[in-house]
Amino acid sequence: MSPDQTARAIAEKARKYLRAGTSLVWVVWPQSEHVDVWHRDVLTGPVRALSMSDSLAGEDVIPGFTYPVAELFRDPLAPAAEE
């Protein structure tokens, strides 16, 4: 998602990829810090929106893959959180 792209343009681009055969599309929204998940079988809109407390899942496209949404928006210059 580029700063000059509209939500409508992004939705059309996601639909274009899905109609072309892509199985899974993640649209990352930096300003609102969420990710829309699109599937080929649902072209009307994102299947769900993931927030900072959720994780991306590779589903059947990349089985076993997960990644915390919060990590997408973490400042790379900030010190790592202590666990």
N, C-alpha and C. Protein backbone atom coordinates (compact mmCIF):
# COMPACT_ATOMS: atom_id res chain seq x y z
N MET A 1 0.85 -1.18 0.00
CA MET A 1 0.00 0.00 0.00
C MET A 1 0.89 1.23 0.00
N SER A 2 0.77 2.03 -1.02
CA SER A 2 1.52 3.27 -1.10
C SER A 2 0.66 4.42 -0.57
N PRO A 3 1.29 5.48 -0.06
CA PRO A 3 0.52 6.59 0.50
C PRO A 3 -0.46 7.24 -0.47
N ASP A 4 -0.16 7.20 -1.76
CA ASP A 4 -1.03 7.86 -2.73
C ASP A 4 -2.12 6.95 -3.29
N GLN A 5 -2.19 5.70 -2.85
CA GLN A 5 -3.21 4.78 -3.35
C GLN A 5 -4.46 4.85 -2.48
N THR A 6 -5.61 4.80 -3.11
CA THR A 6 -6.88 4.83 -2.38
C THR A 6 -7.29 3.41 -2.00
N ALA A 7 -8.16 3.30 -1.00
CA ALA A 7 -8.68 2.00 -0.59
C ALA A 7 -9.38 1.32 -1.76
N ARG A 8 -10.08 2.10 -2.56
CA ARG A 8 -10.79 1.54 -3.71
C ARG A 8 -9.81 0.95 -4.74
N ALA A 9 -8.71 1.67 -5.00
CA ALA A 9 -7.71 1.18 -5.95
C ALA A 9 -7.03 -0.08 -5.42
N ILE A 10 -6.76 -0.11 -4.14
CA ILE A 10 -6.14 -1.29 -3.53
C ILE A 10 -7.08 -2.49 -3.61
N ALA A 11 -8.36 -2.28 -3.33
CA ALA A 11 -9.34 -3.37 -3.41
C ALA A 11 -9.41 -3.91 -4.83
N GLU A 12 -9.40 -3.05 -5.82
CA GLU A 12 -9.44 -3.51 -7.20
C GLU A 12 -8.17 -4.29 -7.56
N LYS A 13 -7.03 -3.84 -7.05
CA LYS A 13 -5.78 -4.55 -7.32
C LYS A 13 -5.82 -5.95 -6.67
N ALA A 14 -6.34 -6.04 -5.45
CA ALA A 14 -6.46 -7.34 -4.78
C ALA A 14 -7.36 -8.27 -5.59
N ARG A 15 -8.50 -7.74 -6.05
CA ARG A 15 -9.41 -8.55 -6.88
C ARG A 15 -8.74 -9.01 -8.17
N LYS A 16 -7.95 -8.12 -8.76
CA LYS A 16 -7.24 -8.45 -10.01
C LYS A 16 -6.29 -9.63 -9.78
N TYR A 17 -5.52 -9.59 -8.69
CA TYR A 17 -4.61 -10.69 -8.38
C TYR A 17 -5.38 -11.99 -8.14
N LEU A 18 -6.49 -11.90 -7.42
CA LEU A 18 -7.27 -13.09 -7.12
C LEU A 18 -7.91 -13.68 -8.38
N ARG A 19 -8.43 -12.81 -9.25
CA ARG A 19 -9.02 -13.30 -10.52
C ARG A 19 -7.96 -13.95 -11.39
N ALA A 20 -6.71 -13.52 -11.25
CA ALA A 20 -5.61 -14.07 -12.04
C ALA A 20 -5.09 -15.40 -11.47
N GLY A 21 -5.61 -15.81 -10.32
CA GLY A 21 -5.23 -17.10 -9.77
C GLY A 21 -4.50 -17.08 -8.45
N THR A 22 -4.18 -15.91 -7.93
CA THR A 22 -3.55 -15.83 -6.62
C THR A 22 -4.54 -16.33 -5.58
N SER A 23 -4.08 -17.12 -4.63
CA SER A 23 -4.97 -17.71 -3.62
C SER A 23 -5.18 -16.83 -2.40
N LEU A 24 -4.17 -16.04 -2.05
CA LEU A 24 -4.20 -15.28 -0.81
C LEU A 24 -3.51 -13.94 -1.03
N VAL A 25 -4.17 -12.86 -0.59
CA VAL A 25 -3.59 -11.51 -0.70
C VAL A 25 -3.65 -10.87 0.67
N TRP A 26 -2.51 -10.31 1.09
CA TRP A 26 -2.46 -9.52 2.32
C TRP A 26 -2.25 -8.07 1.92
N VAL A 27 -3.12 -7.19 2.35
CA VAL A 27 -2.97 -5.76 2.10
C VAL A 27 -2.60 -5.11 3.44
N VAL A 28 -1.40 -4.55 3.48
CA VAL A 28 -0.88 -3.95 4.71
C VAL A 28 -1.17 -2.45 4.69
N TRP A 29 -1.85 -1.98 5.74
CA TRP A 29 -2.23 -0.58 5.88
C TRP A 29 -1.36 0.06 6.96
N PRO A 30 -0.28 0.73 6.59
CA PRO A 30 0.64 1.29 7.58
C PRO A 30 0.02 2.34 8.50
N GLN A 31 -0.81 3.20 7.97
CA GLN A 31 -1.36 4.29 8.79
C GLN A 31 -2.27 3.78 9.90
N SER A 32 -3.12 2.82 9.58
CA SER A 32 -4.05 2.29 10.59
C SER A 32 -3.52 1.02 11.25
N GLU A 33 -2.35 0.60 10.83
CA GLU A 33 -1.67 -0.56 11.41
C GLU A 33 -2.56 -1.80 11.47
N HIS A 34 -3.09 -2.16 10.31
CA HIS A 34 -3.83 -3.42 10.21
C HIS A 34 -3.57 -4.04 8.85
N VAL A 35 -3.97 -5.29 8.70
CA VAL A 35 -3.77 -6.04 7.46
C VAL A 35 -5.10 -6.64 7.04
N ASP A 36 -5.48 -6.41 5.79
CA ASP A 36 -6.68 -7.06 5.23
C ASP A 36 -6.26 -8.36 4.57
N VAL A 37 -7.04 -9.41 4.81
CA VAL A 37 -6.78 -10.72 4.23
C VAL A 37 -7.85 -11.00 3.19
N TRP A 38 -7.42 -11.26 1.96
CA TRP A 38 -8.32 -11.56 0.85
C TRP A 38 -8.10 -13.00 0.39
N HIS A 39 -9.18 -13.68 0.01
CA HIS A 39 -9.11 -15.04 -0.55
C HIS A 39 -9.76 -15.07 -1.93
N ARG A 40 -9.29 -15.96 -2.76
CA ARG A 40 -9.80 -16.09 -4.13
C ARG A 40 -11.30 -16.37 -4.18
N ASP A 41 -11.82 -17.11 -3.20
CA ASP A 41 -13.24 -17.47 -3.23
C ASP A 41 -14.16 -16.36 -2.72
N VAL A 42 -13.59 -15.24 -2.27
CA VAL A 42 -14.40 -14.11 -1.79
C VAL A 42 -13.86 -12.83 -2.42
N LEU A 43 -14.43 -12.42 -3.54
CA LEU A 43 -13.95 -11.25 -4.25
C LEU A 43 -14.67 -9.96 -3.85
N THR A 44 -15.65 -10.06 -2.97
CA THR A 44 -16.43 -8.88 -2.60
C THR A 44 -15.71 -7.99 -1.60
N GLY A 45 -14.73 -8.51 -0.91
CA GLY A 45 -14.00 -7.71 0.07
C GLY A 45 -13.10 -8.59 0.89
N PRO A 46 -12.34 -7.98 1.78
CA PRO A 46 -11.45 -8.79 2.60
C PRO A 46 -12.22 -9.77 3.48
N VAL A 47 -11.66 -10.95 3.65
CA VAL A 47 -12.27 -11.96 4.50
C VAL A 47 -12.24 -11.50 5.95
N ARG A 48 -11.11 -10.87 6.32
CA ARG A 48 -11.01 -10.33 7.68
C ARG A 48 -9.91 -9.28 7.72
N ALA A 49 -9.96 -8.48 8.77
CA ALA A 49 -8.92 -7.48 9.04
C ALA A 49 -8.18 -7.92 10.29
N LEU A 50 -6.87 -7.96 10.19
CA LEU A 50 -6.05 -8.36 11.32
C LEU A 50 -5.50 -7.12 12.02
N SER A 51 -5.55 -7.13 13.34
CA SER A 51 -5.05 -6.00 14.13
C SER A 51 -3.68 -6.36 14.71
N MET A 52 -3.13 -5.45 15.49
CA MET A 52 -1.81 -5.62 16.06
C MET A 52 -1.70 -6.86 16.95
N SER A 53 -2.79 -7.33 17.51
CA SER A 53 -2.75 -8.50 18.39
C SER A 53 -2.88 -9.82 17.64
N ASP A 54 -3.08 -9.75 16.32
CA ASP A 54 -3.25 -10.95 15.50
C ASP A 54 -1.94 -11.35 14.83
N SER A 55 -1.98 -12.48 14.16
CA SER A 55 -0.84 -12.95 13.37
C SER A 55 -1.29 -13.30 11.96
N LEU A 56 -0.42 -13.01 11.00
CA LEU A 56 -0.64 -13.47 9.64
C LEU A 56 -0.48 -14.98 9.64
N ALA A 57 -1.24 -15.65 8.80
CA ALA A 57 -1.10 -17.10 8.65
C ALA A 57 -0.99 -17.43 7.17
N GLY A 58 -0.10 -18.35 6.87
CA GLY A 58 0.11 -18.75 5.49
C GLY A 58 -1.00 -19.64 4.95
N GLU A 59 -1.86 -20.10 5.85
CA GLU A 59 -2.99 -20.95 5.49
C GLU A 59 -2.51 -22.11 4.62
N ASP A 60 -3.22 -22.43 3.54
CA ASP A 60 -2.79 -23.56 2.70
C ASP A 60 -1.77 -23.12 1.64
N VAL A 61 -1.46 -21.83 1.57
CA VAL A 61 -0.49 -21.32 0.60
C VAL A 61 0.93 -21.54 1.11
N ILE A 62 1.17 -21.21 2.38
CA ILE A 62 2.47 -21.43 3.03
C ILE A 62 2.16 -22.12 4.37
N PRO A 63 1.89 -23.42 4.33
CA PRO A 63 1.50 -24.11 5.56
C PRO A 63 2.53 -23.94 6.68
N GLY A 64 2.00 -23.63 7.87
CA GLY A 64 2.85 -23.47 9.03
C GLY A 64 3.41 -22.07 9.23
N PHE A 65 3.30 -21.21 8.23
CA PHE A 65 3.84 -19.86 8.36
C PHE A 65 2.92 -19.01 9.21
N THR A 66 3.50 -18.32 10.19
CA THR A 66 2.79 -17.29 10.95
C THR A 66 3.76 -16.15 11.22
N TYR A 67 3.22 -14.95 11.35
CA TYR A 67 4.05 -13.78 11.64
C TYR A 67 3.17 -12.76 12.36
N PRO A 68 3.62 -12.26 13.50
CA PRO A 68 2.82 -11.28 14.25
C PRO A 68 2.63 -9.98 13.46
N VAL A 69 1.41 -9.53 13.36
CA VAL A 69 1.11 -8.27 12.67
C VAL A 69 1.89 -7.12 13.31
N ALA A 70 2.00 -7.12 14.63
CA ALA A 70 2.71 -6.05 15.33
C ALA A 70 4.15 -5.90 14.83
N GLU A 71 4.78 -6.99 14.44
CA GLU A 71 6.16 -6.93 13.94
C GLU A 71 6.26 -6.18 12.62
N LEU A 72 5.19 -6.19 11.84
CA LEU A 72 5.20 -5.45 10.57
C LEU A 72 5.33 -3.95 10.80
N PHE A 73 4.83 -3.49 11.94
CA PHE A 73 4.78 -2.06 12.20
C PHE A 73 5.79 -1.61 13.27
N ARG A 74 6.62 -2.54 13.73
CA ARG A 74 7.63 -2.20 14.75
C ARG A 74 8.69 -1.31 14.14
N ASP A 75 9.10 -0.31 14.86
CA ASP A 75 10.17 0.57 14.44
C ASP A 75 11.48 -0.22 14.43
N PRO A 76 12.12 -0.38 13.27
CA PRO A 76 13.32 -1.20 13.21
C PRO A 76 14.49 -0.61 14.02
N LEU A 77 14.40 0.67 14.37
CA LEU A 77 15.46 1.30 15.14
C LEU A 77 15.20 1.24 16.64
N ALA A 78 14.00 0.82 17.02
CA ALA A 78 13.66 0.74 18.44
C ALA A 78 14.31 -0.51 19.04
N PRO A 79 14.73 -0.42 20.29
CA PRO A 79 15.31 -1.61 20.92
C PRO A 79 14.28 -2.74 21.02
N ALA A 80 14.74 -3.96 20.93
CA ALA A 80 13.86 -5.12 21.02
C ALA A 80 13.24 -5.18 22.40
N ALA A 81 11.99 -5.61 22.45
CA ALA A 81 11.29 -5.74 23.74
C ALA A 81 11.89 -6.87 24.55
N GLU A 82 12.02 -6.65 25.84
CA GLU A 82 12.52 -7.68 26.75
C GLU A 82 11.41 -8.68 27.03
N GLU A 83 11.74 -9.94 27.05
CA GLU A 83 10.72 -10.96 27.35
C GLU A 83 10.95 -11.54 28.71
